[in-house]
């Protein structure tokens, strides 16, 4: 939204915010000018604007529409993370963190304008009814969604729904067209995307968010890794935007020693708090390296800051996002809510995690790129917030040449993986061992097949000498995308992708 548009909305609509937020606050506006002038200093101005608009606007005011806009604009004026959540969005927002969705229980991708089932979630409604990995979804109820440019988010909305309701999903399986009537149910989602051994003593665990099940999932995964010989853990919170505070505290507690500070909070109207480890964590004897980048935020930064300030492990990567604001939810009788910043987070040594809030706050990534921070450790500034890594790993901007960029624009590698799976479904979908998968991929002539596919389907061909530079980078991603169609799923994808992951390589060298 342009700055001048925000100004117009704020100045014209802020008067409605009292009604939107469903508080019982009513400020009596007196008729004499002296009282009106004094009220300009507090919430009275909002009522004055409301009354003036109601009494003078040319048409009947749509109060619901105006108040929704006013609420969003009012909270935006506080900080970028204080938000109003309308009734239509509240359930989705809370489900995302609670690790439970109501729907049919599949993960899918749309590489060629058709949704392809990547995973049928174990124990979910789709598995019980017989949907399979690789099925192509062509209709949801009576709505054709394949080959018509149907938006992916609209596909999700049509398949999701309350537990107990029914939806008919028609799929194409080989040459067969099969309708499945599925009764929607509660679908658990997971935040540990992958957990596996890299070598005899080093394990890798990728954590995508801090949901209600984070601590229990990590404890279960690391228990299995310990049985496989784990003595050193690479815990990857890159691109993890955070989530529940209590889960960040529980995760930190797994590694820290008794009495060590995890995080503290301070706010004008919020009592200061200091959270400490209780010394009962099961991973206090495990060497730890935490991987962060410019998209690691909130709970990810609390965890990384606790590890760093207590000298419990190394932080490797690039400066984290810098979101250190405590949001408290307030719920209203119309089904809406707001999340308001009530305090700031501070690391054990007293560093404020939050980065400065300015007019170009939302363009921080571009500012970091322009300043050279993403490729030069000397450009990182402590005063800019976030967690400064102990070991800096620059972003590699040299490996993506013209052919790679062109393939990326057309999703050539993703579409090739889908095409390859169709041609090799019987073999690929049965592989459940990483060594077996590697052997299969190495013997599948993927490089030759991919280059032929890129040329025939998209008219793309690397220039002379270009493929030699891009080959390793491109083919690692192709292998990872193809491997995802095995029974190993994301476990295979992330394991294969480590071959070109500079941050993981640096962490293992240390």
Protein backbone atom coordinates (compact mmCIF):
# COMPACT_ATOMS: atom_id res chain seq x y z
CA UNK A 1 0.00 0.00 0.00
CA UNK A 2 1.36 3.41 -0.92
CA UNK A 3 2.22 5.71 1.95
CA UNK A 4 -0.21 8.43 0.86
CA UNK A 5 -3.04 5.88 0.65
CA UNK A 6 -2.31 4.69 4.17
CA UNK A 7 -2.38 8.29 5.38
CA UNK A 8 -5.79 8.87 3.80
CA UNK A 9 -7.22 5.70 5.30
CA UNK A 10 -5.82 6.47 8.73
CA UNK A 11 -7.04 10.05 8.84
CA UNK A 12 -10.50 9.21 7.48
CA UNK A 13 -11.24 5.91 9.23
CA UNK A 14 -9.49 5.74 12.58
CA UNK A 15 -12.62 7.01 14.27
CA UNK A 16 -14.28 3.69 13.70
CA UNK A 17 -11.68 1.63 15.52
CA UNK A 18 -13.43 1.75 18.89
CA UNK A 19 -16.46 0.01 17.43
CA UNK A 20 -14.38 -2.46 15.44
CA UNK A 21 -12.41 -3.72 18.35
CA UNK A 22 -15.67 -4.41 20.15
CA UNK A 23 -14.58 -2.73 23.35
CA UNK A 24 -17.16 -1.12 25.52
CA UNK A 25 -15.28 2.17 25.52
CA UNK A 26 -17.59 5.09 24.76
CA UNK A 27 -16.30 8.61 25.07
CA UNK A 28 -19.00 11.21 25.55
CA UNK A 29 -18.34 14.10 23.15
CA UNK A 30 -19.44 17.44 24.66
CA UNK A 31 -20.80 20.16 22.41
CA UNK A 32 -18.62 23.04 23.57
CA UNK A 33 -15.45 23.70 21.60
CA UNK A 34 -13.17 23.69 24.64
CA UNK A 35 -14.01 20.06 25.44
CA UNK A 36 -13.76 19.03 21.79
CA UNK A 37 -10.29 20.54 21.53
CA UNK A 38 -9.11 18.72 24.64
CA UNK A 39 -10.45 15.43 23.32
CA UNK A 40 -8.22 15.74 20.27
CA UNK A 41 -5.43 14.66 22.59
CA UNK A 42 -7.02 11.28 23.35
CA UNK A 43 -9.53 8.81 21.90
CA UNK A 44 -12.27 11.47 21.72
CA UNK A 45 -11.12 12.51 18.26
CA UNK A 46 -12.06 9.10 16.97
CA UNK A 47 -15.65 9.50 18.13
CA UNK A 48 -15.73 12.99 16.70
CA UNK A 49 -14.68 11.72 13.27
CA UNK A 50 -17.21 8.89 13.49
CA UNK A 51 -20.09 11.18 14.40
CA UNK A 52 -19.13 13.72 11.75
CA UNK A 53 -18.96 11.05 9.05
CA UNK A 54 -22.24 9.50 10.13
CA UNK A 55 -24.05 12.86 10.11
CA UNK A 56 -22.58 14.26 6.89
CA UNK A 57 -21.57 11.48 4.46
CA UNK A 58 -23.39 11.63 1.11
CA UNK A 59 -24.60 8.00 1.21
CA UNK A 60 -25.46 5.37 3.78
CA UNK A 61 -22.27 4.17 5.43
CA UNK A 62 -21.42 0.45 5.22
CA UNK A 63 -20.17 0.29 8.79
CA UNK A 64 -18.94 -3.29 8.58
CA UNK A 65 -16.76 -2.60 5.56
CA UNK A 66 -15.42 0.66 6.95
CA UNK A 67 -14.68 -0.69 10.42
CA UNK A 68 -12.76 -3.67 9.04
CA UNK A 69 -10.55 -1.29 7.04
CA UNK A 70 -10.21 1.08 9.99
CA UNK A 71 -9.10 -1.65 12.36
CA UNK A 72 -6.36 -2.84 10.03
CA UNK A 73 -5.17 0.71 9.38
CA UNK A 74 -5.19 1.67 13.06
CA UNK A 75 -3.04 -1.24 14.15
CA UNK A 76 -0.70 -0.77 11.22
CA UNK A 77 0.08 2.67 12.65
CA UNK A 78 1.45 1.02 15.81
CA UNK A 79 3.97 -1.39 14.27
CA UNK A 80 4.04 -3.87 11.38
CA UNK A 81 3.26 -6.84 13.63
CA UNK A 82 0.22 -5.54 15.50
CA UNK A 83 -2.64 -6.79 13.36
CA UNK A 84 -6.40 -7.02 13.18
CA UNK A 85 -7.75 -10.45 12.17
CA UNK A 86 -11.28 -10.51 10.69
CA UNK A 87 -13.60 -13.40 11.55
CA UNK A 88 -13.07 -14.99 8.12
CA UNK A 89 -9.32 -15.34 8.73
CA UNK A 90 -9.07 -16.04 12.46
CA UNK A 91 -9.59 -19.79 12.30
CA UNK A 92 -6.98 -20.29 9.56
CA UNK A 93 -4.43 -18.22 11.49
CA UNK A 94 -4.92 -20.23 14.68
CA UNK A 95 -5.01 -23.60 12.90
CA UNK A 96 -1.65 -22.88 11.29
CA UNK A 97 0.03 -22.68 14.68
CA UNK A 98 -2.04 -25.28 16.51
CA UNK A 99 -0.80 -27.91 14.05
CA UNK A 100 -4.29 -29.05 13.21
CA UNK A 101 -6.32 -28.54 10.08
CA UNK A 102 -9.66 -29.86 9.02
CA UNK A 103 -9.62 -31.25 5.52
CA UNK A 104 -8.84 -34.35 3.50
CA UNK A 105 -5.20 -34.93 4.49
CA UNK A 106 -2.98 -34.52 1.45
CA UNK A 107 -0.05 -32.40 0.31
CA UNK A 108 -0.04 -31.49 -3.36
CA UNK A 109 1.85 -29.48 -5.93
CA UNK A 110 0.70 -27.82 -9.16
CA UNK A 111 3.57 -28.06 -11.66
CA UNK A 112 1.52 -28.20 -14.90
CA UNK A 113 -1.78 -26.50 -14.05
CA UNK A 114 -2.91 -29.75 -12.40
CA UNK A 115 -2.71 -30.62 -8.71
CA UNK A 116 -0.57 -33.72 -8.13
CA UNK A 117 -0.72 -35.51 -4.78
CA UNK A 118 2.77 -35.45 -3.26
CA UNK A 119 1.87 -37.08 0.04
CA UNK A 120 -1.15 -38.78 1.54
CA UNK A 121 -0.91 -38.02 5.25
CA UNK A 122 -0.86 -41.25 7.28
CA UNK A 123 -4.06 -41.78 9.23
CA UNK A 124 -5.88 -38.99 7.39
CA UNK A 125 -9.20 -39.26 5.53
CA UNK A 126 -7.58 -39.52 2.08
CA UNK A 127 -5.38 -42.45 3.07
CA UNK A 128 -8.37 -44.27 4.54
CA UNK A 129 -10.39 -43.85 1.36
CA UNK A 130 -7.56 -44.87 -1.00
CA UNK A 131 -5.99 -41.75 -2.55
CA UNK A 132 -2.42 -42.39 -3.67
CA UNK A 133 0.73 -40.37 -4.21
CA UNK A 134 0.83 -39.25 -7.85
CA UNK A 135 -2.94 -39.00 -8.32
CA UNK A 136 -3.94 -35.97 -10.41
CA UNK A 137 -6.88 -34.02 -9.02
CA UNK A 138 -9.17 -32.97 -11.85
CA UNK A 139 -12.37 -32.03 -9.98
CA UNK A 140 -13.49 -31.03 -6.48
CA UNK A 141 -17.21 -31.74 -6.21
CA UNK A 142 -18.52 -30.45 -9.55
CA UNK A 143 -15.78 -27.85 -10.11
CA UNK A 144 -13.09 -28.67 -12.67
CA UNK A 145 -9.74 -27.48 -11.30
CA UNK A 146 -7.28 -29.10 -13.75
CA UNK A 147 -5.98 -27.34 -16.85
CA UNK A 148 -8.08 -24.21 -16.36
CA UNK A 149 -5.67 -21.94 -14.47
CA UNK A 150 -7.46 -22.53 -11.18
CA UNK A 151 -5.62 -20.72 -8.32
CA UNK A 152 -3.83 -23.00 -5.87
CA UNK A 153 -5.19 -21.24 -2.78
CA UNK A 154 -8.72 -21.72 -4.15
CA UNK A 155 -8.02 -25.44 -4.52
CA UNK A 156 -7.04 -25.57 -0.86
CA UNK A 157 -10.20 -23.75 0.22
CA UNK A 158 -12.41 -26.15 -1.70
CA UNK A 159 -10.80 -29.23 -0.17
CA UNK A 160 -10.60 -27.91 3.39
CA UNK A 161 -13.69 -27.84 5.55
CA UNK A 162 -15.19 -28.80 8.92
CA UNK A 163 -14.75 -32.33 10.21
CA UNK A 164 -17.64 -34.58 9.27
CA UNK A 165 -18.52 -32.79 6.03
CA UNK A 166 -18.08 -34.57 2.71
CA UNK A 167 -16.32 -33.61 -0.50
CA UNK A 168 -15.97 -35.53 -3.75
CA UNK A 169 -12.46 -35.44 -5.20
CA UNK A 170 -12.11 -36.85 -8.70
CA UNK A 171 -8.62 -37.95 -9.67
CA UNK A 172 -6.92 -39.30 -12.76
CA UNK A 173 -4.78 -42.34 -11.99
CA UNK A 174 -2.92 -43.56 -15.06
CA UNK A 175 -5.76 -43.88 -17.59
CA UNK A 176 -8.50 -44.23 -14.97
CA UNK A 177 -10.74 -41.42 -13.72
CA UNK A 178 -11.86 -42.18 -10.16
CA UNK A 179 -14.24 -40.19 -7.92
CA UNK A 180 -13.59 -40.42 -4.15
CA UNK A 181 -16.18 -39.26 -1.65
CA UNK A 182 -14.09 -38.19 1.35
CA UNK A 183 -15.34 -37.31 4.81
CA UNK A 184 -13.17 -34.48 6.07
CA UNK A 185 -11.42 -34.86 9.39
CA UNK A 186 -8.87 -33.29 11.72
CA UNK A 187 -5.43 -33.38 10.09
CA UNK A 188 -2.30 -33.09 12.25
CA UNK A 189 0.55 -31.17 10.64
CA UNK A 190 4.19 -31.30 11.57
CA UNK A 191 6.96 -28.76 12.12
CA UNK A 192 9.94 -31.14 11.88
CA UNK A 193 10.34 -31.38 8.11
CA UNK A 194 13.34 -33.69 8.18
CA UNK A 195 15.64 -35.41 10.68
CA UNK A 196 18.49 -37.70 9.61
CA UNK A 197 22.15 -38.56 10.19
CA UNK A 198 24.72 -36.81 7.95
CA UNK A 199 27.57 -38.98 9.16
CA UNK A 200 28.30 -41.34 12.06
CA UNK A 201 28.00 -38.63 14.73
CA UNK A 202 26.36 -35.59 13.11
CA UNK A 203 22.59 -35.24 12.68
CA UNK A 204 20.52 -32.67 10.77
CA UNK A 205 17.05 -31.51 11.86
CA UNK A 206 14.98 -28.97 9.94
CA UNK A 207 12.35 -27.08 11.94
CA UNK A 208 9.82 -25.16 9.83
CA UNK A 209 7.84 -23.36 12.57
CA UNK A 210 7.16 -23.21 16.30
CA UNK A 211 3.73 -24.81 16.54
CA UNK A 212 1.97 -26.40 19.50
CA UNK A 213 3.79 -29.70 18.90
CA UNK A 214 7.34 -28.41 18.29
CA UNK A 215 8.95 -29.53 21.54
CA UNK A 216 7.40 -33.00 21.48
CA UNK A 217 8.31 -33.50 17.80
CA UNK A 218 11.91 -32.45 18.36
CA UNK A 219 12.19 -34.68 21.42
CA UNK A 220 10.87 -37.67 19.47
CA UNK A 221 13.12 -37.01 16.46
CA UNK A 222 16.28 -36.47 18.51
CA UNK A 223 15.54 -39.60 20.52
CA UNK A 224 15.68 -41.60 17.31
CA UNK A 225 18.81 -39.76 16.14
CA UNK A 226 20.55 -40.43 19.43
CA UNK A 227 19.91 -44.15 18.94
CA UNK A 228 21.65 -43.82 15.57
CA UNK A 229 24.76 -42.31 17.19
CA UNK A 230 24.07 -38.56 17.25
CA UNK A 231 26.64 -36.57 19.21
CA UNK A 232 26.38 -33.30 17.26
CA UNK A 233 23.13 -31.74 16.01
CA UNK A 234 22.69 -29.19 13.23
CA UNK A 235 19.34 -27.59 14.06
CA UNK A 236 18.12 -25.64 11.04
CA UNK A 237 15.74 -22.72 11.69
CA UNK A 238 16.44 -20.92 8.43
CA UNK A 239 13.21 -19.45 6.99
CA UNK A 240 11.43 -20.34 10.25
CA UNK A 241 9.19 -17.35 10.98
CA UNK A 242 8.50 -18.36 14.59
CA UNK A 243 5.28 -19.14 16.43
CA UNK A 244 4.48 -19.99 20.03
CA UNK A 245 6.76 -18.52 22.71
CA UNK A 246 6.28 -21.46 25.07
CA UNK A 247 7.65 -23.83 22.42
CA UNK A 248 10.79 -21.71 21.97
CA UNK A 249 11.28 -21.86 25.74
CA UNK A 250 10.74 -25.63 25.83
CA UNK A 251 13.14 -26.18 22.94
CA UNK A 252 15.81 -23.99 24.59
CA UNK A 253 15.28 -25.84 27.87
CA UNK A 254 16.19 -29.12 26.17
CA UNK A 255 19.77 -27.90 25.64
CA UNK A 256 20.48 -25.38 28.44
CA UNK A 257 21.74 -26.00 31.95
CA UNK A 258 19.90 -25.30 35.18
CA UNK A 259 19.32 -21.61 35.90
CA UNK A 260 20.52 -20.29 32.55
CA UNK A 261 18.39 -17.45 31.17
CA UNK A 262 16.43 -18.27 28.03
CA UNK A 263 14.78 -14.90 27.33
CA UNK A 264 13.34 -11.88 29.10
CA UNK A 265 10.51 -9.52 28.19
CA UNK A 266 9.86 -5.86 29.00
CA UNK A 267 6.90 -3.61 28.15
CA UNK A 268 5.26 -0.41 29.37
CA UNK A 269 2.08 -2.15 30.55
CA UNK A 270 3.44 -5.68 30.73
CA UNK A 271 5.33 -6.94 33.81
CA UNK A 272 8.96 -7.80 33.10
CA UNK A 273 9.62 -11.53 33.00
CA UNK A 274 12.75 -13.68 32.97
CA UNK A 275 12.49 -17.28 31.77
CA UNK A 276 15.18 -19.76 32.88
CA UNK A 277 16.09 -23.36 32.12
CA UNK A 278 15.18 -25.94 34.74
CA UNK A 279 18.16 -28.24 34.11
CA UNK A 280 16.00 -31.21 33.12
CA UNK A 281 16.54 -30.99 29.36
CA UNK A 282 17.38 -34.30 27.63
CA UNK A 283 19.93 -32.83 25.19
CA UNK A 284 22.38 -31.06 27.50
CA UNK A 285 25.17 -33.41 26.43
CA UNK A 286 24.70 -32.93 22.67
CA UNK A 287 26.97 -30.55 20.72
CA UNK A 288 24.77 -27.99 19.00
CA UNK A 289 24.97 -25.79 15.92
CA UNK A 290 22.02 -23.58 14.97
CA UNK A 291 21.58 -22.49 11.34
CA UNK A 292 19.93 -19.10 10.78
CA UNK A 293 19.32 -16.69 7.93
CA UNK A 294 17.58 -13.39 7.22
CA UNK A 295 14.15 -15.09 7.44
CA UNK A 296 14.66 -16.69 10.86
CA UNK A 297 12.33 -14.72 13.11
CA UNK A 298 10.65 -14.43 16.49
CA UNK A 299 10.79 -17.79 18.34
CA UNK A 300 13.68 -18.86 16.11
CA UNK A 301 15.64 -15.85 17.33
CA UNK A 302 14.72 -16.47 20.96
CA UNK A 303 16.13 -19.98 20.66
CA UNK A 304 19.26 -18.89 18.75
CA UNK A 305 19.89 -16.02 21.18
CA UNK A 306 19.58 -18.32 24.19
CA UNK A 307 22.05 -20.79 22.67
CA UNK A 308 24.51 -18.04 21.73
CA UNK A 309 24.49 -15.97 24.92
CA UNK A 310 24.86 -19.05 27.11
CA UNK A 311 27.77 -20.34 24.99
CA UNK A 312 25.77 -23.50 24.45
CA UNK A 313 26.52 -23.81 20.73
CA UNK A 314 27.48 -22.00 17.53
CA UNK A 315 25.19 -19.89 15.38
CA UNK A 316 26.02 -20.25 11.67
CA UNK A 317 24.55 -18.34 8.73
CA UNK A 318 23.44 -14.74 8.29
CA UNK A 319 21.87 -12.14 10.61
CA UNK A 320 18.35 -13.16 11.54
CA UNK A 321 15.20 -11.17 10.76
CA UNK A 322 14.96 -9.11 13.94
CA UNK A 323 11.39 -9.69 15.15
CA UNK A 324 11.48 -9.42 18.90
CA UNK A 325 7.99 -8.20 19.76
CA UNK A 326 5.59 -9.98 22.10
CA UNK A 327 2.09 -10.17 20.61
CA UNK A 328 -0.89 -10.72 22.89
CA UNK A 329 -4.22 -11.78 21.32
CA UNK A 330 -7.52 -10.06 22.17
CA UNK A 331 -10.74 -11.72 21.01
CA UNK A 332 -14.06 -10.03 20.25
CA UNK A 333 -17.64 -11.21 20.26
CA UNK A 334 -18.06 -10.96 16.47
CA UNK A 335 -15.39 -13.65 15.94
CA UNK A 336 -12.59 -11.22 15.12
CA UNK A 337 -9.40 -10.63 17.06
CA UNK A 338 -6.34 -8.46 17.23
CA UNK A 339 -2.76 -9.16 18.15
CA UNK A 340 -1.09 -6.22 19.83
CA UNK A 341 2.56 -5.79 20.73
CA UNK A 342 2.77 -5.66 24.53
CA UNK A 343 6.51 -6.14 25.16
CA UNK A 344 9.92 -6.74 23.55
CA UNK A 345 12.14 -9.81 23.75
CA UNK A 346 15.69 -9.57 25.09
CA UNK A 347 18.40 -12.23 24.86
CA UNK A 348 20.09 -13.44 28.10
CA UNK A 349 22.80 -10.77 27.76
CA UNK A 350 20.16 -8.03 27.43
CA UNK A 351 20.22 -7.50 23.64
CA UNK A 352 16.90 -6.42 22.12
CA UNK A 353 16.05 -8.80 19.28
CA UNK A 354 13.73 -6.34 17.51
CA UNK A 355 15.18 -4.40 14.60
CA UNK A 356 14.42 -0.66 14.25
CA UNK A 357 10.98 0.13 12.83
CA UNK A 358 11.15 2.62 9.97
CA UNK A 359 9.21 3.59 6.85
CA UNK A 360 11.09 1.01 4.78
CA UNK A 361 10.69 -1.76 7.38
CA UNK A 362 9.05 -4.14 4.90
CA UNK A 363 11.93 -3.70 2.44
CA UNK A 364 14.59 -4.81 4.89
CA UNK A 365 15.73 -7.73 2.75
CA UNK A 366 16.38 -5.45 -0.22
CA UNK A 367 18.20 -2.98 2.01
CA UNK A 368 20.45 -5.78 3.26
CA UNK A 369 21.12 -6.88 -0.29
CA UNK A 370 21.90 -3.32 -1.41
CA UNK A 371 24.22 -2.71 1.54
CA UNK A 372 26.15 -5.91 0.85
CA UNK A 373 25.23 -7.49 4.19
CA UNK A 374 24.14 -10.76 2.58
CA UNK A 375 27.60 -11.31 1.10
CA UNK A 376 29.90 -9.44 3.49
CA UNK A 377 30.14 -10.10 7.24
CA UNK A 378 31.57 -6.62 7.91
CA UNK A 379 28.23 -5.10 6.83
CA UNK A 380 26.29 -6.70 9.70
CA UNK A 381 25.47 -4.25 12.51
CA UNK A 382 24.46 -5.28 16.03
CA UNK A 383 22.28 -2.19 16.41
CA UNK A 384 20.14 -3.36 13.47
CA UNK A 385 18.62 -6.11 15.61
CA UNK A 386 18.37 -9.83 15.08
CA UNK A 387 20.94 -12.46 16.02
CA UNK A 388 24.44 -11.96 14.61
CA UNK A 389 25.89 -15.40 13.72
CA UNK A 390 29.17 -16.57 15.21
CA UNK A 391 30.16 -17.85 11.77
CA UNK A 392 28.98 -15.90 8.73
CA UNK A 393 28.07 -17.73 5.51
CA UNK A 394 27.47 -15.40 2.55
CA UNK A 395 24.64 -15.85 0.10
CA UNK A 396 26.02 -17.39 -3.10
CA UNK A 397 24.89 -15.26 -6.05
CA UNK A 398 27.29 -16.79 -8.57
CA UNK A 399 25.83 -20.23 -9.29
CA UNK A 400 22.50 -19.21 -10.81
CA UNK A 401 23.16 -18.42 -14.47
CA UNK A 402 20.79 -17.55 -17.31
CA UNK A 403 19.69 -21.14 -17.96
CA UNK A 404 18.93 -21.75 -14.28
CA UNK A 405 16.94 -18.51 -14.03
CA UNK A 406 14.97 -19.34 -17.17
CA UNK A 407 14.15 -22.83 -15.84
CA UNK A 408 13.12 -21.31 -12.53
CA UNK A 409 10.67 -18.93 -14.19
CA UNK A 410 8.94 -21.83 -15.96
CA UNK A 411 9.22 -24.29 -13.04
CA UNK A 412 10.98 -26.62 -15.48
CA UNK A 413 12.68 -28.73 -12.81
CA UNK A 414 9.47 -29.19 -10.84
CA UNK A 415 7.49 -30.13 -13.92
CA UNK A 416 10.25 -32.52 -15.01
CA UNK A 417 10.12 -34.27 -11.63
CA UNK A 418 6.38 -34.78 -12.06
CA UNK A 419 6.87 -36.09 -15.61
CA UNK A 420 9.65 -38.43 -14.49
CA UNK A 421 7.51 -39.79 -11.66
CA UNK A 422 4.69 -40.57 -14.08
CA UNK A 423 7.08 -42.58 -16.24
CA UNK A 424 8.71 -44.39 -13.30
CA UNK A 425 5.95 -44.53 -10.68
CA UNK A 426 6.12 -48.25 -9.97
CA UNK A 427 9.79 -48.14 -9.01
CA UNK A 428 10.16 -44.68 -7.48
CA UNK A 429 7.10 -44.74 -5.22
CA UNK A 430 8.28 -47.93 -3.56
CA UNK A 431 11.71 -46.69 -2.45
CA UNK A 432 11.90 -46.15 1.33
CA UNK A 433 15.68 -46.26 1.89
CA UNK A 434 18.05 -43.35 1.27
CA UNK A 435 20.97 -45.49 0.00
CA UNK A 436 18.57 -47.28 -2.37
CA UNK A 437 17.24 -43.91 -3.58
CA UNK A 438 20.76 -42.62 -4.24
CA UNK A 439 21.62 -45.72 -6.23
CA UNK A 440 18.43 -45.38 -8.24
CA UNK A 441 18.92 -41.68 -9.02
CA UNK A 442 22.55 -42.23 -10.03
CA UNK A 443 21.48 -44.86 -12.56
CA UNK A 444 18.44 -43.04 -13.94
CA UNK A 445 20.20 -40.79 -16.53
CA UNK A 446 18.44 -37.77 -15.02
CA UNK A 447 20.83 -35.22 -16.49
CA UNK A 448 20.27 -36.30 -20.08
CA UNK A 449 16.53 -36.62 -19.54
CA UNK A 450 16.24 -33.20 -17.89
CA UNK A 451 18.15 -31.34 -20.61
CA UNK A 452 16.04 -33.01 -23.29
CA UNK A 453 12.85 -32.16 -21.40
CA UNK A 454 13.89 -28.50 -20.94
CA UNK A 455 14.55 -28.18 -24.67
CA UNK A 456 11.47 -30.02 -25.93
CA UNK A 457 8.94 -28.63 -23.45
CA UNK A 458 10.24 -25.12 -22.77
CA UNK A 459 12.69 -24.42 -25.59
CA UNK A 460 15.49 -23.93 -23.08
CA UNK A 461 19.11 -24.86 -23.69
CA UNK A 462 22.22 -23.78 -21.78
CA UNK A 463 24.68 -21.61 -23.69
CA UNK A 464 28.14 -22.88 -24.53
CA UNK A 465 30.09 -23.38 -21.32
CA UNK A 466 27.11 -22.50 -19.15
CA UNK A 467 26.10 -26.02 -18.16
CA UNK A 468 29.53 -26.80 -16.76
CA UNK A 469 29.04 -23.97 -14.26
CA UNK A 470 25.40 -24.68 -13.42
CA UNK A 471 25.32 -28.46 -13.65
CA UNK A 472 25.96 -29.34 -10.00
CA UNK A 473 23.63 -26.65 -8.68
CA UNK A 474 20.81 -27.47 -11.10
CA UNK A 475 21.01 -31.26 -10.99
CA UNK A 476 21.12 -31.38 -7.19
CA UNK A 477 17.76 -29.64 -7.18
CA UNK A 478 16.42 -31.93 -9.89
CA UNK A 479 17.51 -34.98 -7.88
CA UNK A 480 15.92 -33.56 -4.73
CA UNK A 481 12.62 -32.87 -6.51
CA UNK A 482 12.53 -36.35 -8.03
CA UNK A 483 13.52 -37.94 -4.71
CA UNK A 484 10.57 -36.23 -3.05
CA UNK A 485 8.28 -38.60 -4.97
CA UNK A 486 9.75 -41.60 -3.14
CA UNK A 487 8.29 -42.81 0.13
CA UNK A 488 10.92 -40.70 1.91
CA UNK A 489 9.21 -37.46 0.84
CA UNK A 490 10.72 -34.28 2.35
CA UNK A 491 13.29 -36.40 4.18
CA UNK A 492 14.81 -37.25 0.79
CA UNK A 493 14.42 -33.72 -0.55
CA UNK A 494 16.40 -32.05 2.25
CA UNK A 495 18.99 -34.82 2.44
CA UNK A 496 19.77 -34.53 -1.27
CA UNK A 497 19.73 -30.73 -1.16
CA UNK A 498 22.53 -30.63 1.43
CA UNK A 499 25.02 -31.27 -1.39
CA UNK A 500 24.76 -27.60 -2.44
CA UNK A 501 24.05 -26.11 1.00
CA UNK A 502 27.01 -23.88 1.91
CA UNK A 503 25.73 -23.23 5.43
CA UNK A 504 25.51 -26.93 6.27
CA UNK A 505 28.94 -27.51 4.75
CA UNK A 506 30.47 -24.75 6.88
CA UNK A 507 28.74 -26.09 10.00
CA UNK A 508 30.06 -29.61 9.46
CA UNK A 509 33.58 -28.30 8.80
CA UNK A 510 33.53 -26.60 12.20
